[in-house]
């Protein structure tokens, strides 16, 4: 009888701890830092769940992401020659807006 009572109590404790842990995980909120960006989106790569979103539907210029993608695509290109040089002619400078100004 004592063994059966202990098993029932242990089962209830186990069930409630599993349910409590899942409820706590769903109520998790990101805290401890301030986000100063005008827009952003953080999603789980495993589940696709949106963890954080701020102005996600706003159209915004991608800023430094464009520069990072340009370099990444260049480095992955079969035509990339690390010893080569890239020429920026006057004609190309005319076609590229703000090519003569420093963007920092």
PDB file of N, CA and C in Angstrom:
ATOM      1  N   UNK A   1       0.817  -1.204   0.000  1.00  0.00           N
ATOM      2  CA  UNK A   1       0.000   0.000   0.000  1.00  0.00           C
ATOM      3  C   UNK A   1       0.854   1.259   0.000  1.00  0.00           C
ATOM      4  N   UNK A   2       1.919   1.248   0.802  1.00  0.00           N
ATOM      5  CA  UNK A   2       2.816   2.399   0.876  1.00  0.00           C
ATOM      6  C   UNK A   2       3.504   2.652  -0.456  1.00  0.00           C
ATOM      7  N   UNK A   3       3.848   1.566  -1.127  1.00  0.00           N
ATOM      8  CA  UNK A   3       4.497   1.678  -2.429  1.00  0.00           C
ATOM      9  C   UNK A   3       3.542   2.302  -3.460  1.00  0.00           C
ATOM     10  N   UNK A   4       2.282   1.899  -3.438  1.00  0.00           N
ATOM     11  CA  UNK A   4       1.279   2.429  -4.362  1.00  0.00           C
ATOM     12  C   UNK A   4       1.029   3.909  -4.091  1.00  0.00           C
ATOM     13  N   UNK A   5       0.930   4.319  -2.845  1.00  0.00           N
ATOM     14  CA  UNK A   5       0.727   5.722  -2.476  1.00  0.00           C
ATOM     15  C   UNK A   5       1.914   6.569  -2.915  1.00  0.00           C
ATOM     16  N   UNK A   6       3.111   6.052  -2.680  1.00  0.00           N
ATOM     17  CA  UNK A   6       4.319   6.773  -3.097  1.00  0.00           C
ATOM     18  C   UNK A   6       4.354   6.950  -4.616  1.00  0.00           C
ATOM     19  N   UNK A   7       3.963   5.910  -5.349  1.00  0.00           N
ATOM     20  CA  UNK A   7       3.946   5.979  -6.820  1.00  0.00           C
ATOM     21  C   UNK A   7       2.956   7.019  -7.316  1.00  0.00           C
ATOM     22  N   UNK A   8       1.786   7.076  -6.708  1.00  0.00           N
ATOM     23  CA  UNK A   8       0.767   8.051  -7.117  1.00  0.00           C
ATOM     24  C   UNK A   8       1.246   9.471  -6.831  1.00  0.00           C
ATOM     25  N   UNK A   9       1.810   9.699  -5.663  1.00  0.00           N
ATOM     26  CA  UNK A   9       2.314  11.041  -5.311  1.00  0.00           C
ATOM     27  C   UNK A   9       3.448  11.442  -6.247  1.00  0.00           C
ATOM     28  N   UNK A  10       4.363  10.521  -6.508  1.00  0.00           N
ATOM     29  CA  UNK A  10       5.485  10.810  -7.405  1.00  0.00           C
ATOM     30  C   UNK A  10       4.991  11.123  -8.821  1.00  0.00           C
ATOM     31  N   UNK A  11       3.980  10.390  -9.286  1.00  0.00           N
ATOM     32  CA  UNK A  11       3.413  10.636 -10.617  1.00  0.00           C
ATOM     33  C   UNK A  11       2.808  12.031 -10.703  1.00  0.00           C
ATOM     34  N   UNK A  12       2.058  12.443  -9.674  1.00  0.00           N
ATOM     35  CA  UNK A  12       1.484  13.789  -9.664  1.00  0.00           C
ATOM     36  C   UNK A  12       2.575  14.859  -9.673  1.00  0.00           C
ATOM     37  N   UNK A  13       3.588  14.665  -8.880  1.00  0.00           N
ATOM     38  CA  UNK A  13       4.703  15.630  -8.851  1.00  0.00           C
ATOM     39  C   UNK A  13       5.365  15.720 -10.219  1.00  0.00           C
ATOM     40  N   UNK A  14       5.597  14.596 -10.855  1.00  0.00           N
ATOM     41  CA  UNK A  14       6.229  14.566 -12.172  1.00  0.00           C
ATOM     42  C   UNK A  14       5.368  15.261 -13.218  1.00  0.00           C
ATOM     43  N   UNK A  15       4.076  14.968 -13.221  1.00  0.00           N
ATOM     44  CA  UNK A  15       3.160  15.581 -14.194  1.00  0.00           C
ATOM     45  C   UNK A  15       3.097  17.094 -14.003  1.00  0.00           C
ATOM     46  N   UNK A  16       2.963  17.548 -12.764  1.00  0.00           N
ATOM     47  CA  UNK A  16       2.870  18.985 -12.508  1.00  0.00           C
ATOM     48  C   UNK A  16       4.181  19.709 -12.820  1.00  0.00           C
ATOM     49  N   UNK A  17       5.303  19.071 -12.605  1.00  0.00           N
ATOM     50  CA  UNK A  17       6.580  19.730 -12.918  1.00  0.00           C
ATOM     51  C   UNK A  17       6.763  19.864 -14.426  1.00  0.00           C
ATOM     52  N   UNK A  18       6.324  18.876 -15.197  1.00  0.00           N
ATOM     53  CA  UNK A  18       6.423  18.961 -16.663  1.00  0.00           C
ATOM     54  C   UNK A  18       5.481  20.036 -17.194  1.00  0.00           C
ATOM     55  N   UNK A  19       4.263  20.073 -16.705  1.00  0.00           N
ATOM     56  CA  UNK A  19       3.302  21.095 -17.139  1.00  0.00           C
ATOM     57  C   UNK A  19       3.782  22.484 -16.736  1.00  0.00           C
ATOM     58  N   UNK A  20       4.269  22.626 -15.526  1.00  0.00           N
ATOM     59  CA  UNK A  20       4.761  23.924 -15.055  1.00  0.00           C
ATOM     60  C   UNK A  20       5.937  24.424 -15.867  1.00  0.00           C
ATOM     61  N   UNK A  21       6.841  23.524 -16.244  1.00  0.00           N
ATOM     62  CA  UNK A  21       8.008  23.922 -17.045  1.00  0.00           C
ATOM     63  C   UNK A  21       7.589  24.403 -18.426  1.00  0.00           C
ATOM     64  N   UNK A  22       6.615  23.743 -19.049  1.00  0.00           N
ATOM     65  CA  UNK A  22       6.173  24.167 -20.380  1.00  0.00           C
ATOM     66  C   UNK A  22       5.456  25.513 -20.321  1.00  0.00           C
ATOM     67  N   UNK A  23       4.683  25.759 -19.264  1.00  0.00           N
ATOM     68  CA  UNK A  23       4.006  27.050 -19.129  1.00  0.00           C
ATOM     69  C   UNK A  23       5.013  28.170 -18.883  1.00  0.00           C
ATOM     70  N   UNK A  24       6.031  27.897 -18.129  1.00  0.00           N
ATOM     71  CA  UNK A  24       7.072  28.890 -17.867  1.00  0.00           C
ATOM     72  C   UNK A  24       7.826  29.223 -19.148  1.00  0.00           C
ATOM     73  N   UNK A  25       8.100  28.233 -19.960  1.00  0.00           N
ATOM     74  CA  UNK A  25       8.831  28.453 -21.209  1.00  0.00           C
ATOM     75  C   UNK A  25       8.018  29.317 -22.169  1.00  0.00           C
ATOM     76  N   UNK A  26       6.730  29.145 -22.204  1.00  0.00           N
ATOM     77  CA  UNK A  26       5.900  29.946 -23.109  1.00  0.00           C
ATOM     78  C   UNK A  26       5.773  31.391 -22.649  1.00  0.00           C
ATOM     79  N   UNK A  27       5.875  31.611 -21.369  1.00  0.00           N
ATOM     80  CA  UNK A  27       5.743  32.958 -20.826  1.00  0.00           C
ATOM     81  C   UNK A  27       7.083  33.685 -20.806  1.00  0.00           C
ATOM     82  N   UNK A  28       8.127  33.077 -21.369  1.00  0.00           N
ATOM     83  CA  UNK A  28       9.464  33.670 -21.350  1.00  0.00           C
ATOM     84  C   UNK A  28       9.481  34.965 -22.143  1.00  0.00           C
ATOM     85  N   UNK A  29      10.079  35.962 -21.584  1.00  0.00           N
ATOM     86  CA  UNK A  29      10.160  37.265 -22.216  1.00  0.00           C
ATOM     87  C   UNK A  29      11.614  37.716 -22.244  1.00  0.00           C
ATOM     88  N   UNK A  30      12.043  38.269 -23.368  1.00  0.00           N
ATOM     89  CA  UNK A  30      13.423  38.735 -23.492  1.00  0.00           C
ATOM     90  C   UNK A  30      13.573  40.013 -22.681  1.00  0.00           C
ATOM     91  N   UNK A  31      14.497  40.012 -21.734  1.00  0.00           N
ATOM     92  CA  UNK A  31      14.727  41.181 -20.899  1.00  0.00           C
ATOM     93  C   UNK A  31      16.218  41.365 -20.697  1.00  0.00           C
ATOM     94  N   UNK A  32      16.590  42.492 -20.132  1.00  0.00           N
ATOM     95  CA  UNK A  32      17.981  42.711 -19.766  1.00  0.00           C
ATOM     96  C   UNK A  32      18.781  43.517 -20.771  1.00  0.00           C
ATOM     97  N   UNK A  33      18.182  43.951 -21.855  1.00  0.00           N
ATOM     98  CA  UNK A  33      18.894  44.792 -22.809  1.00  0.00           C
ATOM     99  C   UNK A  33      17.908  45.702 -23.529  1.00  0.00           C
ATOM    100  N   UNK A  34      18.435  46.812 -24.014  1.00  0.00           N
ATOM    101  CA  UNK A  34      17.609  47.763 -24.754  1.00  0.00           C
ATOM    102  C   UNK A  34      17.913  47.656 -26.235  1.00  0.00           C
ATOM    103  N   UNK A  35      16.888  47.688 -27.043  1.00  0.00           N
ATOM    104  CA  UNK A  35      17.054  47.649 -28.493  1.00  0.00           C
ATOM    105  C   UNK A  35      16.750  49.044 -29.013  1.00  0.00           C
ATOM    106  N   UNK A  36      17.735  49.654 -29.664  1.00  0.00           N
ATOM    107  CA  UNK A  36      17.568  51.012 -30.156  1.00  0.00           C
ATOM    108  C   UNK A  36      17.353  51.070 -31.665  1.00  0.00           C
ATOM    109  N   UNK A  37      17.327  49.934 -32.328  1.00  0.00           N
ATOM    110  CA  UNK A  37      17.123  49.911 -33.778  1.00  0.00           C
ATOM    111  C   UNK A  37      15.698  50.341 -34.113  1.00  0.00           C
ATOM    112  N   UNK A  38      15.534  50.939 -35.296  1.00  0.00           N
ATOM    113  CA  UNK A  38      14.206  51.361 -35.731  1.00  0.00           C
ATOM    114  C   UNK A  38      13.325  50.168 -36.076  1.00  0.00           C
ATOM    115  N   UNK A  39      13.946  49.072 -36.504  1.00  0.00           N
ATOM    116  CA  UNK A  39      13.186  47.875 -36.855  1.00  0.00           C
ATOM    117  C   UNK A  39      14.069  46.654 -36.641  1.00  0.00           C
ATOM    118  N   UNK A  40      13.418  45.530 -36.414  1.00  0.00           N
ATOM    119  CA  UNK A  40      14.163  44.294 -36.242  1.00  0.00           C
ATOM    120  C   UNK A  40      13.244  43.103 -36.129  1.00  0.00           C
ATOM    121  N   UNK A  41      13.815  41.929 -36.361  1.00  0.00           N
ATOM    122  CA  UNK A  41      13.058  40.696 -36.271  1.00  0.00           C
ATOM    123  C   UNK A  41      14.008  39.594 -35.821  1.00  0.00           C
ATOM    124  N   UNK A  42      13.601  38.839 -34.829  1.00  0.00           N
ATOM    125  CA  UNK A  42      14.376  37.707 -34.343  1.00  0.00           C
ATOM    126  C   UNK A  42      13.474  36.493 -34.392  1.00  0.00           C
ATOM    127  N   UNK A  43      13.916  35.463 -35.131  1.00  0.00           N
ATOM    128  CA  UNK A  43      13.109  34.257 -35.283  1.00  0.00           C
ATOM    129  C   UNK A  43      13.946  33.035 -34.940  1.00  0.00           C
ATOM    130  N   UNK A  44      13.295  32.013 -34.446  1.00  0.00           N
ATOM    131  CA  UNK A  44      13.957  30.743 -34.148  1.00  0.00           C
ATOM    132  C   UNK A  44      14.194  30.011 -35.449  1.00  0.00           C
ATOM    133  N   UNK A  45      15.442  29.597 -35.689  1.00  0.00           N
ATOM    134  CA  UNK A  45      15.764  28.849 -36.903  1.00  0.00           C
ATOM    135  C   UNK A  45      15.188  27.431 -36.832  1.00  0.00           C
ATOM    136  N   UNK A  46      14.935  26.929 -35.651  1.00  0.00           N
ATOM    137  CA  UNK A  46      14.412  25.576 -35.487  1.00  0.00           C
ATOM    138  C   UNK A  46      12.910  25.500 -35.722  1.00  0.00           C
ATOM    139  N   UNK A  47      12.183  26.438 -35.133  1.00  0.00           N
ATOM    140  CA  UNK A  47      10.717  26.370 -35.180  1.00  0.00           C
ATOM    141  C   UNK A  47      10.083  27.400 -36.112  1.00  0.00           C
ATOM    142  N   UNK A  48      10.833  28.437 -36.476  1.00  0.00           N
ATOM    143  CA  UNK A  48      10.263  29.509 -37.288  1.00  0.00           C
ATOM    144  C   UNK A  48       9.442  30.490 -36.474  1.00  0.00           C
ATOM    145  N   UNK A  49       9.395  30.301 -35.164  1.00  0.00           N
ATOM    146  CA  UNK A  49       8.623  31.173 -34.279  1.00  0.00           C
ATOM    147  C   UNK A  49       9.282  32.545 -34.184  1.00  0.00           C
ATOM    148  N   UNK A  50       8.483  33.602 -34.263  1.00  0.00           N
ATOM    149  CA  UNK A  50       8.973  34.965 -34.114  1.00  0.00           C
ATOM    150  C   UNK A  50       9.173  35.227 -32.629  1.00  0.00           C
ATOM    151  N   UNK A  51      10.431  35.469 -32.220  1.00  0.00           N
ATOM    152  CA  UNK A  51      10.740  35.712 -30.822  1.00  0.00           C
ATOM    153  C   UNK A  51      10.679  37.190 -30.476  1.00  0.00           C
ATOM    154  N   UNK A  52      11.017  38.051 -31.438  1.00  0.00           N
ATOM    155  CA  UNK A  52      10.974  39.500 -31.224  1.00  0.00           C
ATOM    156  C   UNK A  52      10.672  40.154 -32.553  1.00  0.00           C
ATOM    157  N   UNK A  53       9.849  41.186 -32.526  1.00  0.00           N
ATOM    158  CA  UNK A  53       9.505  41.905 -33.745  1.00  0.00           C
ATOM    159  C   UNK A  53       9.248  43.368 -33.413  1.00  0.00           C
ATOM    160  N   UNK A  54       9.843  44.260 -34.195  1.00  0.00           N
ATOM    161  CA  UNK A  54       9.623  45.697 -34.028  1.00  0.00           C
ATOM    162  C   UNK A  54       9.626  46.326 -35.418  1.00  0.00           C
ATOM    163  N   UNK A  55       8.510  46.867 -35.846  1.00  0.00           N
ATOM    164  CA  UNK A  55       8.360  47.477 -37.172  1.00  0.00           C
ATOM    165  C   UNK A  55       8.803  46.520 -38.276  1.00  0.00           C
ATOM    166  N   UNK A  56       8.468  45.252 -38.164  1.00  0.00           N
ATOM    167  CA  UNK A  56       8.919  44.242 -39.122  1.00  0.00           C
ATOM    168  C   UNK A  56       8.328  44.454 -40.512  1.00  0.00           C
ATOM    169  N   UNK A  57       7.185  45.101 -40.620  1.00  0.00           N
ATOM    170  CA  UNK A  57       6.539  45.296 -41.922  1.00  0.00           C
ATOM    171  C   UNK A  57       6.918  46.619 -42.584  1.00  0.00           C
ATOM    172  N   UNK A  58       7.700  47.450 -41.895  1.00  0.00           N
ATOM    173  CA  UNK A  58       8.125  48.733 -42.453  1.00  0.00           C
ATOM    174  C   UNK A  58       9.182  48.512 -43.526  1.00  0.00           C
ATOM    175  N   UNK A  59       9.110  49.260 -44.618  1.00  0.00           N
ATOM    176  CA  UNK A  59      10.161  49.212 -45.635  1.00  0.00           C
ATOM    177  C   UNK A  59      11.325  50.063 -45.155  1.00  0.00           C
ATOM    178  N   UNK A  60      12.502  49.451 -45.082  1.00  0.00           N
ATOM    179  CA  UNK A  60      13.696  50.148 -44.610  1.00  0.00           C
ATOM    180  C   UNK A  60      14.871  49.769 -45.484  1.00  0.00           C
ATOM    181  N   UNK A  61      15.813  50.686 -45.608  1.00  0.00           N
ATOM    182  CA  UNK A  61      17.033  50.398 -46.342  1.00  0.00           C
ATOM    183  C   UNK A  61      17.887  49.465 -45.498  1.00  0.00           C
ATOM    184  N   UNK A  62      18.445  48.402 -46.071  1.00  0.00           N
ATOM    185  CA  UNK A  62      19.151  47.403 -45.271  1.00  0.00           C
ATOM    186  C   UNK A  62      20.509  47.822 -44.727  1.00  0.00           C
ATOM    187  N   UNK A  63      21.002  48.985 -45.030  1.00  0.00           N
ATOM    188  CA  UNK A  63      22.242  49.536 -44.464  1.00  0.00           C
ATOM    189  C   UNK A  63      23.415  48.582 -44.615  1.00  0.00           C
ATOM    190  N   UNK A  64      24.064  48.245 -43.537  1.00  0.00           N
ATOM    191  CA  UNK A  64      25.296  47.456 -43.589  1.00  0.00           C
ATOM    192  C   UNK A  64      25.079  46.036 -44.089  1.00  0.00           C
ATOM    193  N   UNK A  65      23.863  45.542 -44.010  1.00  0.00           N
ATOM    194  CA  UNK A  65      23.591  44.209 -44.521  1.00  0.00           C
ATOM    195  C   UNK A  65      23.915  44.129 -46.017  1.00  0.00           C
ATOM    196  N   UNK A  66      23.672  45.211 -46.749  1.00  0.00           N
ATOM    197  CA  UNK A  66      23.987  45.245 -48.165  1.00  0.00           C
ATOM    198  C   UNK A  66      25.484  45.077 -48.384  1.00  0.00           C
ATOM    199  N   UNK A  67      26.272  45.756 -47.592  1.00  0.00           N
ATOM    200  CA  UNK A  67      27.728  45.655 -47.725  1.00  0.00           C
ATOM    201  C   UNK A  67      28.216  44.250 -47.388  1.00  0.00           C
ATOM    202  N   UNK A  68      27.667  43.671 -46.337  1.00  0.00           N
ATOM    203  CA  UNK A  68      28.071  42.324 -45.933  1.00  0.00           C
ATOM    204  C   UNK A  68      27.704  41.312 -47.020  1.00  0.00           C
ATOM    205  N   UNK A  69      26.501  41.404 -47.579  1.00  0.00           N
ATOM    206  CA  UNK A  69      26.079  40.473 -48.634  1.00  0.00           C
ATOM    207  C   UNK A  69      26.928  40.654 -49.888  1.00  0.00           C
ATOM    208  N   UNK A  70      27.271  41.894 -50.238  1.00  0.00           N
ATOM    209  CA  UNK A  70      28.102  42.137 -51.412  1.00  0.00           C
ATOM    210  C   UNK A  70      29.453  41.446 -51.265  1.00  0.00           C
ATOM    211  N   UNK A  71      30.091  41.607 -50.126  1.00  0.00           N
ATOM    212  CA  UNK A  71      31.396  40.977 -49.891  1.00  0.00           C
ATOM    213  C   UNK A  71      31.259  39.462 -49.856  1.00  0.00           C
ATOM    214  N   UNK A  72      30.212  38.952 -49.225  1.00  0.00           N
ATOM    215  CA  UNK A  72      30.005  37.503 -49.155  1.00  0.00           C
ATOM    216  C   UNK A  72      29.839  36.904 -50.542  1.00  0.00           C
ATOM    217  N   UNK A  73      29.016  37.526 -51.386  1.00  0.00           N
ATOM    218  CA  UNK A  73      28.817  37.026 -52.739  1.00  0.00           C
ATOM    219  C   UNK A  73      30.093  37.125 -53.572  1.00  0.00           C
ATOM    220  N   UNK A  74      30.849  38.189 -53.364  1.00  0.00           N
ATOM    221  CA  UNK A  74      32.112  38.340 -54.087  1.00  0.00           C
ATOM    222  C   UNK A  74      33.087  37.230 -53.691  1.00  0.00           C
ATOM    223  N   UNK A  75      33.216  36.960 -52.392  1.00  0.00           N
ATOM    224  CA  UNK A  75      34.146  35.938 -51.922  1.00  0.00           C
ATOM    225  C   UNK A  75      33.731  34.535 -52.360  1.00  0.00           C
ATOM    226  N   UNK A  76      32.435  34.307 -52.511  1.00  0.00           N
ATOM    227  CA  UNK A  76      31.949  32.997 -52.940  1.00  0.00           C
ATOM    228  C   UNK A  76      31.988  32.810 -54.446  1.00  0.00           C
ATOM    229  N   UNK A  77      32.198  33.879 -55.185  1.00  0.00           N
ATOM    230  CA  UNK A  77      32.201  33.815 -56.644  1.00  0.00           C
ATOM    231  C   UNK A  77      33.430  33.055 -57.167  1.00  0.00           C
ATOM    232  N   UNK A  78      33.210  32.280 -58.217  1.00  0.00           N
ATOM    233  CA  UNK A  78      34.318  31.553 -58.843  1.00  0.00           C
ATOM    234  C   UNK A  78      35.289  32.513 -59.536  1.00  0.00           C
ATOM    235  N   UNK A  79      34.822  33.692 -59.893  1.00  0.00           N
ATOM    236  CA  UNK A  79      35.658  34.667 -60.597  1.00  0.00           C
ATOM    237  C   UNK A  79      36.515  35.500 -59.660  1.00  0.00           C
ATOM    238  N   UNK A  80      36.320  35.356 -58.346  1.00  0.00           N
ATOM    239  CA  UNK A  80      37.066  36.163 -57.381  1.00  0.00           C
ATOM    240  C   UNK A  80      38.547  35.799 -57.397  1.00  0.00           C
ATOM    241  N   UNK A  81      39.366  36.818 -57.552  1.00  0.00           N
ATOM    242  CA  UNK A  81      40.825  36.648 -57.535  1.00  0.00           C
ATOM    243  C   UNK A  81      41.370  37.519 -56.407  1.00  0.00           C
ATOM    244  N   UNK A  82      41.850  36.903 -55.303  1.00  0.00           N
ATOM    245  CA  UNK A  82      42.319  37.692 -54.166  1.00  0.00           C
ATOM    246  C   UNK A  82      43.488  38.609 -54.511  1.00  0.00           C
ATOM    247  N   UNK A  83      44.259  38.268 -55.543  1.00  0.00           N
ATOM    248  CA  UNK A  83      45.404  39.094 -55.934  1.00  0.00           C
ATOM    249  C   UNK A  83      44.994  40.177 -56.929  1.00  0.00           C
ATOM    250  N   UNK A  84      43.779  40.099 -57.442  1.00  0.00           N
ATOM    251  CA  UNK A  84      43.335  41.055 -58.453  1.00  0.00           C
ATOM    252  C   UNK A  84      42.937  42.396 -57.857  1.00  0.00           C
ATOM    253  N   UNK A  85      42.780  43.376 -58.735  1.00  0.00           N
ATOM    254  CA  UNK A  85      42.363  44.718 -58.314  1.00  0.00           C
ATOM    255  C   UNK A  85      41.046  45.057 -59.007  1.00  0.00           C
ATOM    256  N   UNK A  86      40.255  45.870 -58.354  1.00  0.00           N
ATOM    257  CA  UNK A  86      38.977  46.296 -58.908  1.00  0.00           C
ATOM    258  C   UNK A  86      39.093  47.765 -59.273  1.00  0.00           C
ATOM    259  N   UNK A  87      38.797  48.083 -60.533  1.00  0.00           N
ATOM    260  CA  UNK A  87      38.905  49.465 -61.000  1.00  0.00           C
ATOM    261  C   UNK A  87      37.560  50.170 -60.890  1.00  0.00           C
ATOM    262  N   UNK A  88      37.609  51.385 -60.393  1.00  0.00           N
ATOM    263  CA  UNK A  88      36.408  52.213 -60.291  1.00  0.00           C
ATOM    264  C   UNK A  88      36.610  53.390 -61.236  1.00  0.00           C
ATOM    265  N   UNK A  89      36.062  53.289 -62.436  1.00  0.00           N
ATOM    266  CA  UNK A  89      36.255  54.328 -63.442  1.00  0.00           C
ATOM    267  C   UNK A  89      35.351  55.521 -63.151  1.00  0.00           C
ATOM    268  N   UNK A  90      35.622  56.622 -63.789  1.00  0.00           N
ATOM    269  CA  UNK A  90      34.795  57.828 -63.635  1.00  0.00           C
ATOM    270  C   UNK A  90      33.374  57.563 -64.107  1.00  0.00           C
ATOM    271  N   UNK A  91      33.240  56.759 -65.170  1.00  0.00           N
ATOM    272  CA  UNK A  91      31.911  56.443 -65.692  1.00  0.00           C
ATOM    273  C   UNK A  91      31.083  55.665 -64.655  1.00  0.00           C
ATOM    274  N   UNK A  92      31.709  54.724 -63.997  1.00  0.00           N
ATOM    275  CA  UNK A  92      31.014  53.951 -62.969  1.00  0.00           C
ATOM    276  C   UNK A  92      30.676  54.854 -61.787  1.00  0.00           C
ATOM    277  N   UNK A  93      31.574  55.749 -61.434  1.00  0.00           N
ATOM    278  CA  UNK A  93      31.323  56.663 -60.319  1.00  0.00           C
ATOM    279  C   UNK A  93      30.112  57.547 -60.596  1.00  0.00           C
ATOM    280  N   UNK A  94      29.918  57.923 -61.856  1.00  0.00           N
ATOM    281  CA  UNK A  94      28.748  58.733 -62.208  1.00  0.00           C
ATOM    282  C   UNK A  94      27.459  57.932 -62.045  1.00  0.00           C
ATOM    283  N   UNK A  95      27.512  56.625 -62.315  1.00  0.00           N
ATOM    284  CA  UNK A  95      26.322  55.780 -62.248  1.00  0.00           C
ATOM    285  C   UNK A  95      25.945  55.418 -60.810  1.00  0.00           C
ATOM    286  N   UNK A  96      26.923  55.382 -59.920  1.00  0.00           N
ATOM    287  CA  UNK A  96      26.680  54.987 -58.538  1.00  0.00           C
ATOM    288  C   UNK A  96      26.435  56.239 -57.702  1.00  0.00           C
ATOM    289  N   UNK A  97      25.235  56.378 -57.137  1.00  0.00           N
ATOM    290  CA  UNK A  97      24.976  57.568 -56.313  1.00  0.00           C
ATOM    291  C   UNK A  97      25.821  57.563 -55.049  1.00  0.00           C
ATOM    292  N   UNK A  98      26.279  58.737 -54.662  1.00  0.00           N
ATOM    293  CA  UNK A  98      27.076  58.947 -53.460  1.00  0.00           C
ATOM    294  C   UNK A  98      28.407  58.174 -53.463  1.00  0.00           C
ATOM    295  N   UNK A  99      28.920  57.822 -54.647  1.00  0.00           N
ATOM    296  CA  UNK A  99      30.174  57.048 -54.684  1.00  0.00           C
ATOM    297  C   UNK A  99      31.373  57.906 -54.290  1.00  0.00           C
ATOM    298  N   UNK A 100      31.255  59.217 -54.387  1.00  0.00           N
ATOM    299  CA  UNK A 100      32.377  60.062 -54.052  1.00  0.00           C
ATOM    300  C   UNK A 100      32.372  60.536 -52.592  1.00  0.00           C
ATOM    301  N   UNK A 101      31.333  60.152 -51.827  1.00  0.00           N
ATOM    302  CA  UNK A 101      31.256  60.597 -50.438  1.00  0.00           C
ATOM    303  C   UNK A 101      31.502  59.440 -49.488  1.00  0.00           C
ATOM    304  N   UNK A 102      32.034  59.740 -48.353  1.00  0.00           N
ATOM    305  CA  UNK A 102      32.285  58.718 -47.341  1.00  0.00           C
ATOM    306  C   UNK A 102      31.027  58.492 -46.523  1.00  0.00           C
ATOM    307  N   UNK A 103      30.597  57.246 -46.429  1.00  0.00           N
ATOM    308  CA  UNK A 103      29.419  56.904 -45.635  1.00  0.00           C
ATOM    309  C   UNK A 103      29.870  56.174 -44.388  1.00  0.00           C
ATOM    310  N   UNK A 104      29.905  56.866 -43.283  1.00  0.00           N
ATOM    311  CA  UNK A 104      30.349  56.239 -42.028  1.00  0.00           C
ATOM    312  C   UNK A 104      29.217  56.265 -41.044  1.00  0.00           C
TER     313      UNK A 104
END
